[in-house]
Amino acid sequence: MINPELGYSDKTQALIERQCRNVERKSFRLQKDKAAEAILKTYDLFDLPRPKRVVWCADPFTSVYQGSARSALDYDFDYYIIQHEYIENPDEDLPVNDNDHKYLAYCELLMEAKEHGAGYRVEWEDTLYIVPTPLVVIDSQNRFHNEDGPAIRWKQGKSFYFLYGESFEKELWERVTSGNFTAKELMAIEDTDKRAIAMTYLAPADMIEQMHMKLLHVGIKGNKLYECKNYLDSGETEYALWMKDASTPRQFIHFVPKDFDFHKNADEATAGCFRNGGGDLMPLEDYLLIEQEA
């Protein structure tokens, strides 16, 4: 039965929530035998011979996984949701058949394997290779993010560091999250996305002092516009905004793009930092209507 508030059944909603619990797993107990058996049962389901051997790997970066990008157990779980809902509320002109039920049973077995700790599988030369699901940390916007350690890691394998969805090498991640860097070192980070994120970890007051910035204007919403002459000894003048993050207490410095005239006005400068998909500037009056800035 369809829940009118959801537009689909309560059972499908429960399945979605069950899947979500398997996305961010900060810890779990790996049950190798149960996980492997659930995957092997998928062979039985389709009357296929089981692989003769089962081998567990530390992470999916061993040579046997190269070229096997679709070996993640939950790769097709969006279809699992669709199929589940269709069986719950089928189309009268297209009745559910045995294949529909068989596919749902297949997805359920993979879900059980994932719940027991399996994350990836691939078969090669009559051997089933399995990798545990990684430990994952995400933020409120479903981005990989962890300031205390790797955002993705395998207990016996590789680790990956992310901040706000952006991948960082471990050394740079350590420097950024510790705040142990100067404004000059910050601006030397070549990747603009990483530099923008790192900028939020350097105290604005320290950056303003180190780069000898001069306050020009305070906007209606409190954003402060600064002038930075001889930017990084380049002889050029840059302009920066002291801004607040809408989703956290963090404050940060954001340099204003050079492709528009903001008349040394903090509100005009901030509005110009908001662009649509075509790169067009946001009109000042539209910016002033925004209650929260991202």
C-alpha atoms as a PDB file:
ATOM      1  CA  MET A   1       0.000   0.000   0.000  1.00  0.00           C
ATOM      2  CA  ILE A   2       1.313   3.436  -0.939  1.00  0.00           C
ATOM      3  CA  ASN A   3       1.895   5.931   1.845  1.00  0.00           C
ATOM      4  CA  PRO A   4       0.356   9.175   0.495  1.00  0.00           C
ATOM      5  CA  GLU A   5       2.931  11.316   2.307  1.00  0.00           C
ATOM      6  CA  LEU A   6       5.870   9.373   0.833  1.00  0.00           C
ATOM      7  CA  GLY A   7       4.468   8.449  -2.564  1.00  0.00           C
ATOM      8  CA  TYR A   8       5.590   4.852  -2.009  1.00  0.00           C
ATOM      9  CA  SER A   9       5.100   2.104   0.571  1.00  0.00           C
ATOM     10  CA  ASP A  10       6.244   2.147   4.188  1.00  0.00           C
ATOM     11  CA  LYS A  11       8.079  -1.126   3.524  1.00  0.00           C
ATOM     12  CA  THR A  12      10.126   0.533   0.787  1.00  0.00           C
ATOM     13  CA  GLN A  13      10.917   3.400   3.159  1.00  0.00           C
ATOM     14  CA  ALA A  14      12.153   0.839   5.688  1.00  0.00           C
ATOM     15  CA  LEU A  15      14.393  -0.661   3.009  1.00  0.00           C
ATOM     16  CA  ILE A  16      15.815   2.774   2.151  1.00  0.00           C
ATOM     17  CA  GLU A  17      16.596   3.377   5.831  1.00  0.00           C
ATOM     18  CA  ARG A  18      18.191  -0.068   6.056  1.00  0.00           C
ATOM     19  CA  GLN A  19      20.424   0.758   3.096  1.00  0.00           C
ATOM     20  CA  CYS A  20      21.373   4.120   4.584  1.00  0.00           C
ATOM     21  CA  ARG A  21      22.555   2.426   7.772  1.00  0.00           C
ATOM     22  CA  ASN A  22      25.104   0.583   5.646  1.00  0.00           C
ATOM     23  CA  VAL A  23      26.515   3.749   4.068  1.00  0.00           C
ATOM     24  CA  GLU A  24      28.122   5.379   7.098  1.00  0.00           C
ATOM     25  CA  ARG A  25      29.595   2.600   9.186  1.00  0.00           C
ATOM     26  CA  LYS A  26      32.062   3.899  11.748  1.00  0.00           C
ATOM     27  CA  SER A  27      32.484   0.386  13.113  1.00  0.00           C
ATOM     28  CA  PHE A  28      31.103  -3.104  12.578  1.00  0.00           C
ATOM     29  CA  ARG A  29      31.850  -6.741  13.305  1.00  0.00           C
ATOM     30  CA  LEU A  30      33.040  -8.582  10.209  1.00  0.00           C
ATOM     31  CA  GLN A  31      31.416 -12.000   9.948  1.00  0.00           C
ATOM     32  CA  LYS A  32      33.329 -13.583   7.084  1.00  0.00           C
ATOM     33  CA  ASP A  33      31.552 -16.950   7.007  1.00  0.00           C
ATOM     34  CA  LYS A  34      28.050 -15.454   6.976  1.00  0.00           C
ATOM     35  CA  ALA A  35      28.987 -12.786   4.428  1.00  0.00           C
ATOM     36  CA  ALA A  36      30.603 -15.304   2.079  1.00  0.00           C
ATOM     37  CA  GLU A  37      27.697 -17.718   2.381  1.00  0.00           C
ATOM     38  CA  ALA A  38      25.183 -14.995   1.480  1.00  0.00           C
ATOM     39  CA  ILE A  39      27.163 -14.221  -1.704  1.00  0.00           C
ATOM     40  CA  LEU A  40      27.530 -17.915  -2.556  1.00  0.00           C
ATOM     41  CA  LYS A  41      23.764 -18.353  -2.240  1.00  0.00           C
ATOM     42  CA  THR A  42      23.378 -15.985  -5.199  1.00  0.00           C
ATOM     43  CA  TYR A  43      24.978 -18.710  -7.326  1.00  0.00           C
ATOM     44  CA  ASP A  44      22.471 -21.233  -6.025  1.00  0.00           C
ATOM     45  CA  LEU A  45      19.634 -18.835  -6.816  1.00  0.00           C
ATOM     46  CA  PHE A  46      20.530 -18.891 -10.505  1.00  0.00           C
ATOM     47  CA  ASP A  47      21.568 -22.578 -10.596  1.00  0.00           C
ATOM     48  CA  LEU A  48      25.226 -21.685 -11.135  1.00  0.00           C
ATOM     49  CA  PRO A  49      28.165 -23.659  -9.721  1.00  0.00           C
ATOM     50  CA  ARG A  50      29.744 -22.055  -6.682  1.00  0.00           C
ATOM     51  CA  PRO A  51      33.392 -20.953  -6.960  1.00  0.00           C
ATOM     52  CA  LYS A  52      35.744 -23.544  -5.498  1.00  0.00           C
ATOM     53  CA  ARG A  53      37.584 -21.072  -3.266  1.00  0.00           C
ATOM     54  CA  VAL A  54      36.807 -17.966  -1.254  1.00  0.00           C
ATOM     55  CA  VAL A  55      39.629 -15.481  -0.607  1.00  0.00           C
ATOM     56  CA  TRP A  56      39.311 -12.338   1.512  1.00  0.00           C
ATOM     57  CA  CYS A  57      41.411  -9.306   0.527  1.00  0.00           C
ATOM     58  CA  ALA A  58      42.355  -6.302   2.657  1.00  0.00           C
ATOM     59  CA  ASP A  59      40.952  -3.685   0.240  1.00  0.00           C
ATOM     60  CA  PRO A  60      39.735  -3.436  -3.372  1.00  0.00           C
ATOM     61  CA  PHE A  61      43.090  -2.174  -4.684  1.00  0.00           C
ATOM     62  CA  THR A  62      44.680  -5.574  -5.214  1.00  0.00           C
ATOM     63  CA  SER A  63      45.395  -6.523  -8.833  1.00  0.00           C
ATOM     64  CA  VAL A  64      42.407  -8.868  -9.127  1.00  0.00           C
ATOM     65  CA  TYR A  65      40.052  -5.901  -8.730  1.00  0.00           C
ATOM     66  CA  GLN A  66      41.593  -3.729 -11.430  1.00  0.00           C
ATOM     67  CA  GLY A  67      38.994  -3.202 -14.151  1.00  0.00           C
ATOM     68  CA  SER A  68      36.221  -4.503 -11.859  1.00  0.00           C
ATOM     69  CA  ALA A  69      34.640  -1.192 -10.914  1.00  0.00           C
ATOM     70  CA  ARG A  70      31.167  -2.717 -10.728  1.00  0.00           C
ATOM     71  CA  SER A  71      32.033  -5.283  -8.064  1.00  0.00           C
ATOM     72  CA  ALA A  72      30.635  -3.234  -5.157  1.00  0.00           C
ATOM     73  CA  LEU A  73      27.795  -5.212  -3.610  1.00  0.00           C
ATOM     74  CA  ASP A  74      25.473  -2.207  -3.475  1.00  0.00           C
ATOM     75  CA  TYR A  75      26.259  -0.893  -6.976  1.00  0.00           C
ATOM     76  CA  ASP A  76      22.711  -1.599  -8.201  1.00  0.00           C
ATOM     77  CA  PHE A  77      20.843  -0.996  -4.961  1.00  0.00           C
ATOM     78  CA  ASP A  78      18.869   1.820  -6.581  1.00  0.00           C
ATOM     79  CA  TYR A  79      17.263  -0.862  -8.757  1.00  0.00           C
ATOM     80  CA  TYR A  80      16.717  -2.885  -5.582  1.00  0.00           C
ATOM     81  CA  ILE A  81      14.551  -0.035  -4.267  1.00  0.00           C
ATOM     82  CA  ILE A  82      12.654   0.278  -7.562  1.00  0.00           C
ATOM     83  CA  GLN A  83      12.048  -3.457  -7.803  1.00  0.00           C
ATOM     84  CA  HIS A  84      10.952  -3.697  -4.188  1.00  0.00           C
ATOM     85  CA  GLU A  85       8.405  -0.905  -4.624  1.00  0.00           C
ATOM     86  CA  TYR A  86       7.132  -2.395  -7.885  1.00  0.00           C
ATOM     87  CA  ILE A  87       6.433  -5.716  -6.206  1.00  0.00           C
ATOM     88  CA  GLU A  88       4.724  -3.908  -3.340  1.00  0.00           C
ATOM     89  CA  ASN A  89       2.567  -1.873  -5.741  1.00  0.00           C
ATOM     90  CA  PRO A  90       2.612  -3.523  -9.181  1.00  0.00           C
ATOM     91  CA  ASP A  91       1.155  -2.148 -12.388  1.00  0.00           C
ATOM     92  CA  GLU A  92      -2.097  -3.922 -13.291  1.00  0.00           C
ATOM     93  CA  ASP A  93      -1.045  -4.067 -16.952  1.00  0.00           C
ATOM     94  CA  LEU A  94       2.377  -5.521 -16.145  1.00  0.00           C
ATOM     95  CA  PRO A  95       2.024  -8.187 -13.463  1.00  0.00           C
ATOM     96  CA  VAL A  96       4.908  -9.308 -11.270  1.00  0.00           C
ATOM     97  CA  ASN A  97       6.578 -12.529 -12.450  1.00  0.00           C
ATOM     98  CA  ASP A  98       9.066 -15.079 -11.100  1.00  0.00           C
ATOM     99  CA  ASN A  99      12.045 -13.141 -12.449  1.00  0.00           C
ATOM    100  CA  ASP A 100      10.982 -10.078 -10.462  1.00  0.00           C
ATOM    101  CA  HIS A 101      10.937 -12.116  -7.259  1.00  0.00           C
ATOM    102  CA  LYS A 102      14.231 -13.780  -8.133  1.00  0.00           C
ATOM    103  CA  TYR A 103      15.961 -10.415  -8.658  1.00  0.00           C
ATOM    104  CA  LEU A 104      14.586  -9.180  -5.339  1.00  0.00           C
ATOM    105  CA  ALA A 105      15.904 -12.317  -3.608  1.00  0.00           C
ATOM    106  CA  TYR A 106      19.308 -11.727  -5.241  1.00  0.00           C
ATOM    107  CA  CYS A 107      19.439  -8.136  -3.936  1.00  0.00           C
ATOM    108  CA  GLU A 108      18.404  -9.302  -0.469  1.00  0.00           C
ATOM    109  CA  LEU A 109      21.300 -11.769  -0.348  1.00  0.00           C
ATOM    110  CA  LEU A 110      23.761  -9.021  -1.308  1.00  0.00           C
ATOM    111  CA  MET A 111      22.244  -6.773   1.350  1.00  0.00           C
ATOM    112  CA  GLU A 112      22.717  -9.484   3.963  1.00  0.00           C
ATOM    113  CA  ALA A 113      26.326  -9.966   2.852  1.00  0.00           C
ATOM    114  CA  LYS A 114      26.907  -6.228   3.225  1.00  0.00           C
ATOM    115  CA  GLU A 115      25.324  -6.215   6.660  1.00  0.00           C
ATOM    116  CA  HIS A 116      27.733  -8.994   7.656  1.00  0.00           C
ATOM    117  CA  GLY A 117      30.633  -6.770   6.529  1.00  0.00           C
ATOM    118  CA  ALA A 118      31.300  -7.601   2.877  1.00  0.00           C
ATOM    119  CA  GLY A 119      31.699  -4.654   0.539  1.00  0.00           C
ATOM    120  CA  TYR A 120      33.098  -5.880  -2.777  1.00  0.00           C
ATOM    121  CA  ARG A 121      33.306  -9.158  -4.667  1.00  0.00           C
ATOM    122  CA  VAL A 122      34.711 -10.439  -7.924  1.00  0.00           C
ATOM    123  CA  GLU A 123      35.134 -13.954  -9.301  1.00  0.00           C
ATOM    124  CA  TRP A 124      38.306 -14.941 -11.130  1.00  0.00           C
ATOM    125  CA  GLU A 125      39.521 -18.399 -12.135  1.00  0.00           C
ATOM    126  CA  ASP A 126      36.982 -20.232  -9.970  1.00  0.00           C
ATOM    127  CA  THR A 127      37.850 -18.133  -6.917  1.00  0.00           C
ATOM    128  CA  LEU A 128      35.532 -15.664  -5.194  1.00  0.00           C
ATOM    129  CA  TYR A 129      37.501 -12.676  -3.902  1.00  0.00           C
ATOM    130  CA  ILE A 130      35.760 -10.593  -1.220  1.00  0.00           C
ATOM    131  CA  VAL A 131      36.734  -7.285   0.386  1.00  0.00           C
ATOM    132  CA  PRO A 132      35.176  -5.925   3.603  1.00  0.00           C
ATOM    133  CA  THR A 133      33.069  -2.790   3.416  1.00  0.00           C
ATOM    134  CA  PRO A 134      35.104   0.260   4.456  1.00  0.00           C
ATOM    135  CA  LEU A 135      34.603   2.370   7.545  1.00  0.00           C
ATOM    136  CA  VAL A 136      33.109   5.635   6.321  1.00  0.00           C
ATOM    137  CA  VAL A 137      32.487   9.056   7.864  1.00  0.00           C
ATOM    138  CA  ILE A 138      30.232  11.593   6.107  1.00  0.00           C
ATOM    139  CA  ASP A 139      28.885  15.000   7.027  1.00  0.00           C
ATOM    140  CA  SER A 140      25.308  16.289   7.150  1.00  0.00           C
ATOM    141  CA  GLN A 141      25.398  16.868   3.381  1.00  0.00           C
ATOM    142  CA  ASN A 142      26.471  13.262   2.674  1.00  0.00           C
ATOM    143  CA  ARG A 143      30.012  14.276   1.738  1.00  0.00           C
ATOM    144  CA  PHE A 144      33.050  12.290   2.804  1.00  0.00           C
ATOM    145  CA  HIS A 145      34.432  14.348   5.682  1.00  0.00           C
ATOM    146  CA  ASN A 146      36.454  13.659   8.817  1.00  0.00           C
ATOM    147  CA  GLU A 147      38.671  16.041  10.770  1.00  0.00           C
ATOM    148  CA  ASP A 148      39.833  13.340  13.210  1.00  0.00           C
ATOM    149  CA  GLY A 149      41.099  10.664  10.821  1.00  0.00           C
ATOM    150  CA  PRO A 150      40.448   9.010   7.453  1.00  0.00           C
ATOM    151  CA  ALA A 151      36.977   9.463   6.009  1.00  0.00           C
ATOM    152  CA  ILE A 152      37.285   6.095   4.228  1.00  0.00           C
ATOM    153  CA  ARG A 153      39.437   3.255   5.499  1.00  0.00           C
ATOM    154  CA  TRP A 154      39.835  -0.487   5.534  1.00  0.00           C
ATOM    155  CA  LYS A 155      41.115  -1.829   8.845  1.00  0.00           C
ATOM    156  CA  GLN A 156      43.863  -3.840   7.184  1.00  0.00           C
ATOM    157  CA  GLY A 157      44.167  -1.782   4.011  1.00  0.00           C
ATOM    158  CA  LYS A 158      44.247   1.698   2.529  1.00  0.00           C
ATOM    159  CA  SER A 159      42.917   4.913   4.039  1.00  0.00           C
ATOM    160  CA  PHE A 160      41.641   8.053   2.342  1.00  0.00           C
ATOM    161  CA  TYR A 161      41.328  11.537   3.794  1.00  0.00           C
ATOM    162  CA  PHE A 162      38.533  13.927   2.860  1.00  0.00           C
ATOM    163  CA  LEU A 163      37.308  17.328   3.967  1.00  0.00           C
ATOM    164  CA  TYR A 164      33.864  18.469   2.794  1.00  0.00           C
ATOM    165  CA  GLY A 165      33.923  15.905  -0.022  1.00  0.00           C
ATOM    166  CA  GLU A 166      37.383  16.889  -1.297  1.00  0.00           C
ATOM    167  CA  SER A 167      40.194  14.312  -1.258  1.00  0.00           C
ATOM    168  CA  PHE A 168      43.435  15.285   0.510  1.00  0.00           C
ATOM    169  CA  GLU A 169      46.825  13.609   0.727  1.00  0.00           C
ATOM    170  CA  LYS A 170      47.443  12.615   4.344  1.00  0.00           C
ATOM    171  CA  GLU A 171      50.280  15.124   4.900  1.00  0.00           C
ATOM    172  CA  LEU A 172      48.241  18.067   3.613  1.00  0.00           C
ATOM    173  CA  TRP A 173      45.152  16.882   5.523  1.00  0.00           C
ATOM    174  CA  GLU A 174      47.211  16.825   8.745  1.00  0.00           C
ATOM    175  CA  ARG A 175      48.532  20.349   8.163  1.00  0.00           C
ATOM    176  CA  VAL A 176      45.117  21.720   7.284  1.00  0.00           C
ATOM    177  CA  THR A 177      43.179  20.174  10.171  1.00  0.00           C
ATOM    178  CA  SER A 178      45.866  21.207  12.662  1.00  0.00           C
ATOM    179  CA  GLY A 179      45.791  24.795  11.414  1.00  0.00           C
ATOM    180  CA  ASN A 180      49.588  24.643  11.501  1.00  0.00           C
ATOM    181  CA  PHE A 181      50.341  26.638   8.354  1.00  0.00           C
ATOM    182  CA  THR A 182      50.841  30.232   7.297  1.00  0.00           C
ATOM    183  CA  ALA A 183      48.798  32.285   4.863  1.00  0.00           C
ATOM    184  CA  LYS A 184      51.649  32.135   2.372  1.00  0.00           C
ATOM    185  CA  GLU A 185      51.786  28.328   2.605  1.00  0.00           C
ATOM    186  CA  LEU A 186      48.018  28.239   2.222  1.00  0.00           C
ATOM    187  CA  MET A 187      48.021  30.251  -0.981  1.00  0.00           C
ATOM    188  CA  ALA A 188      50.760  27.996  -2.368  1.00  0.00           C
ATOM    189  CA  ILE A 189      48.294  25.066  -2.517  1.00  0.00           C
ATOM    190  CA  GLU A 190      47.793  24.709  -6.276  1.00  0.00           C
ATOM    191  CA  ASP A 191      44.400  22.985  -6.280  1.00  0.00           C
ATOM    192  CA  THR A 192      41.829  25.757  -5.909  1.00  0.00           C
ATOM    193  CA  ASP A 193      39.189  23.522  -4.268  1.00  0.00           C
ATOM    194  CA  LYS A 194      41.649  22.240  -1.663  1.00  0.00           C
ATOM    195  CA  ARG A 195      42.937  25.761  -1.066  1.00  0.00           C
ATOM    196  CA  ALA A 196      39.407  27.073  -0.518  1.00  0.00           C
ATOM    197  CA  ILE A 197      38.740  24.366   2.066  1.00  0.00           C
ATOM    198  CA  ALA A 198      42.121  24.841   3.762  1.00  0.00           C
ATOM    199  CA  MET A 199      41.367  28.547   3.994  1.00  0.00           C
ATOM    200  CA  THR A 200      38.483  27.789   6.358  1.00  0.00           C
ATOM    201  CA  TYR A 201      40.934  26.233   8.836  1.00  0.00           C
ATOM    202  CA  LEU A 202      43.201  29.272   9.141  1.00  0.00           C
ATOM    203  CA  ALA A 203      41.854  31.837  11.572  1.00  0.00           C
ATOM    204  CA  PRO A 204      40.690  34.873   9.559  1.00  0.00           C
ATOM    205  CA  ALA A 205      42.393  37.248  11.998  1.00  0.00           C
ATOM    206  CA  ASP A 206      45.717  35.449  11.474  1.00  0.00           C
ATOM    207  CA  MET A 207      45.360  35.553   7.704  1.00  0.00           C
ATOM    208  CA  ILE A 208      44.448  39.233   7.708  1.00  0.00           C
ATOM    209  CA  GLU A 209      47.439  40.043   9.906  1.00  0.00           C
ATOM    210  CA  GLN A 210      49.917  37.907   7.964  1.00  0.00           C
ATOM    211  CA  MET A 211      48.823  39.287   4.585  1.00  0.00           C
ATOM    212  CA  HIS A 212      48.577  42.889   5.837  1.00  0.00           C
ATOM    213  CA  MET A 213      44.966  43.352   4.739  1.00  0.00           C
ATOM    214  CA  LYS A 214      43.053  46.595   5.175  1.00  0.00           C
ATOM    215  CA  LEU A 215      39.336  46.691   6.063  1.00  0.00           C
ATOM    216  CA  LEU A 216      37.336  48.556   3.412  1.00  0.00           C
ATOM    217  CA  HIS A 217      33.664  47.895   4.107  1.00  0.00           C
ATOM    218  CA  VAL A 218      31.274  45.908   6.332  1.00  0.00           C
ATOM    219  CA  GLY A 219      28.167  44.615   4.560  1.00  0.00           C
ATOM    220  CA  ILE A 220      24.568  44.549   5.714  1.00  0.00           C
ATOM    221  CA  LYS A 221      24.913  40.882   6.697  1.00  0.00           C
ATOM    222  CA  GLY A 222      28.202  41.415   8.499  1.00  0.00           C
ATOM    223  CA  ASN A 223      30.610  40.192   5.809  1.00  0.00           C
ATOM    224  CA  LYS A 224      33.788  42.267   5.820  1.00  0.00           C
ATOM    225  CA  LEU A 225      35.634  43.288   2.659  1.00  0.00           C
ATOM    226  CA  TYR A 226      39.433  43.635   2.872  1.00  0.00           C
ATOM    227  CA  GLU A 227      42.074  44.947   0.497  1.00  0.00           C
ATOM    228  CA  CYS A 228      45.332  43.032   0.155  1.00  0.00           C
ATOM    229  CA  LYS A 229      48.031  45.053  -1.604  1.00  0.00           C
ATOM    230  CA  ASN A 230      51.127  43.348  -3.024  1.00  0.00           C
ATOM    231  CA  TYR A 231      49.376  39.981  -2.780  1.00  0.00           C
ATOM    232  CA  LEU A 232      52.037  37.313  -2.059  1.00  0.00           C
ATOM    233  CA  ASP A 233      54.734  39.749  -3.236  1.00  0.00           C
ATOM    234  CA  SER A 234      53.165  39.807  -6.718  1.00  0.00           C
ATOM    235  CA  GLY A 235      52.725  43.568  -6.820  1.00  0.00           C
ATOM    236  CA  GLU A 236      49.006  43.032  -7.482  1.00  0.00           C
ATOM    237  CA  THR A 237      46.054  43.995  -5.293  1.00  0.00           C
ATOM    238  CA  GLU A 238      43.480  41.371  -4.317  1.00  0.00           C
ATOM    239  CA  TYR A 239      40.247  41.662  -2.342  1.00  0.00           C
ATOM    240  CA  ALA A 240      38.960  39.216   0.250  1.00  0.00           C
ATOM    241  CA  LEU A 241      35.811  38.684   2.298  1.00  0.00           C
ATOM    242  CA  TRP A 242      35.651  37.602   5.921  1.00  0.00           C
ATOM    243  CA  MET A 243      32.606  35.325   5.879  1.00  0.00           C
ATOM    244  CA  LYS A 244      30.705  32.882   8.100  1.00  0.00           C
ATOM    245  CA  ASP A 245      29.837  29.304   7.147  1.00  0.00           C
ATOM    246  CA  ALA A 246      26.049  28.794   7.162  1.00  0.00           C
ATOM    247  CA  SER A 247      26.227  25.184   8.391  1.00  0.00           C
ATOM    248  CA  THR A 248      28.995  25.442  11.027  1.00  0.00           C
ATOM    249  CA  PRO A 249      30.371  28.057  13.478  1.00  0.00           C
ATOM    250  CA  ARG A 250      33.468  28.335  11.261  1.00  0.00           C
ATOM    251  CA  GLN A 251      34.525  31.707   9.852  1.00  0.00           C
ATOM    252  CA  PHE A 252      36.830  32.000   6.871  1.00  0.00           C
ATOM    253  CA  ILE A 253      38.430  34.229   4.245  1.00  0.00           C
ATOM    254  CA  HIS A 254      37.221  34.060   0.637  1.00  0.00           C
ATOM    255  CA  PHE A 255      39.022  35.921  -2.153  1.00  0.00           C
ATOM    256  CA  VAL A 256      36.789  37.837  -4.523  1.00  0.00           C
ATOM    257  CA  PRO A 257      36.914  36.918  -8.252  1.00  0.00           C
ATOM    258  CA  LYS A 258      38.407  39.564 -10.529  1.00  0.00           C
ATOM    259  CA  ASP A 259      35.799  39.344 -13.281  1.00  0.00           C
ATOM    260  CA  PHE A 260      33.325  41.935 -12.013  1.00  0.00           C
ATOM    261  CA  ASP A 261      33.247  45.403 -10.439  1.00  0.00           C
ATOM    262  CA  PHE A 262      31.955  45.363  -6.856  1.00  0.00           C
ATOM    263  CA  HIS A 263      32.723  49.023  -6.119  1.00  0.00           C
ATOM    264  CA  LYS A 264      34.598  48.026  -2.944  1.00  0.00           C
ATOM    265  CA  ASN A 265      31.258  47.102  -1.393  1.00  0.00           C
ATOM    266  CA  ALA A 266      31.109  43.937   0.760  1.00  0.00           C
ATOM    267  CA  ASP A 267      27.546  43.034  -0.256  1.00  0.00           C
ATOM    268  CA  GLU A 268      28.224  43.457  -3.969  1.00  0.00           C
ATOM    269  CA  ALA A 269      31.415  41.422  -3.599  1.00  0.00           C
ATOM    270  CA  THR A 270      29.582  38.623  -1.764  1.00  0.00           C
ATOM    271  CA  ALA A 271      26.769  38.567  -4.336  1.00  0.00           C
ATOM    272  CA  GLY A 272      29.375  38.205  -7.059  1.00  0.00           C
ATOM    273  CA  CYS A 273      30.685  35.042  -5.410  1.00  0.00           C
ATOM    274  CA  PHE A 274      27.332  33.357  -6.103  1.00  0.00           C
ATOM    275  CA  ARG A 275      27.060  32.176  -9.713  1.00  0.00           C
ATOM    276  CA  ASN A 276      24.518  30.151 -11.657  1.00  0.00           C
ATOM    277  CA  GLY A 277      25.392  27.207 -13.909  1.00  0.00           C
ATOM    278  CA  GLY A 278      26.339  29.580 -16.723  1.00  0.00           C
ATOM    279  CA  GLY A 279      28.622  31.651 -14.517  1.00  0.00           C
ATOM    280  CA  ASP A 280      26.291  34.653 -14.354  1.00  0.00           C
ATOM    281  CA  LEU A 281      26.504  36.904 -11.314  1.00  0.00           C
ATOM    282  CA  MET A 282      23.725  36.965  -8.744  1.00  0.00           C
ATOM    283  CA  PRO A 283      22.006  40.366  -8.611  1.00  0.00           C
ATOM    284  CA  LEU A 284      22.629  42.217  -5.365  1.00  0.00           C
ATOM    285  CA  GLU A 285      18.910  42.383  -4.542  1.00  0.00           C
ATOM    286  CA  ASP A 286      18.634  38.587  -4.867  1.00  0.00           C
ATOM    287  CA  TYR A 287      21.643  38.044  -2.627  1.00  0.00           C
ATOM    288  CA  LEU A 288      20.166  40.251   0.083  1.00  0.00           C
ATOM    289  CA  LEU A 289      17.058  38.035   0.132  1.00  0.00           C
ATOM    290  CA  ILE A 290      19.096  34.921   0.973  1.00  0.00           C
ATOM    291  CA  GLU A 291      18.673  34.018   4.629  1.00  0.00           C
ATOM    292  CA  GLN A 292      21.657  31.659   4.836  1.00  0.00           C
ATOM    293  CA  GLU A 293      24.851  31.691   2.794  1.00  0.00           C
ATOM    294  CA  ALA A 294      26.713  28.486   1.933  1.00  0.00           C
END
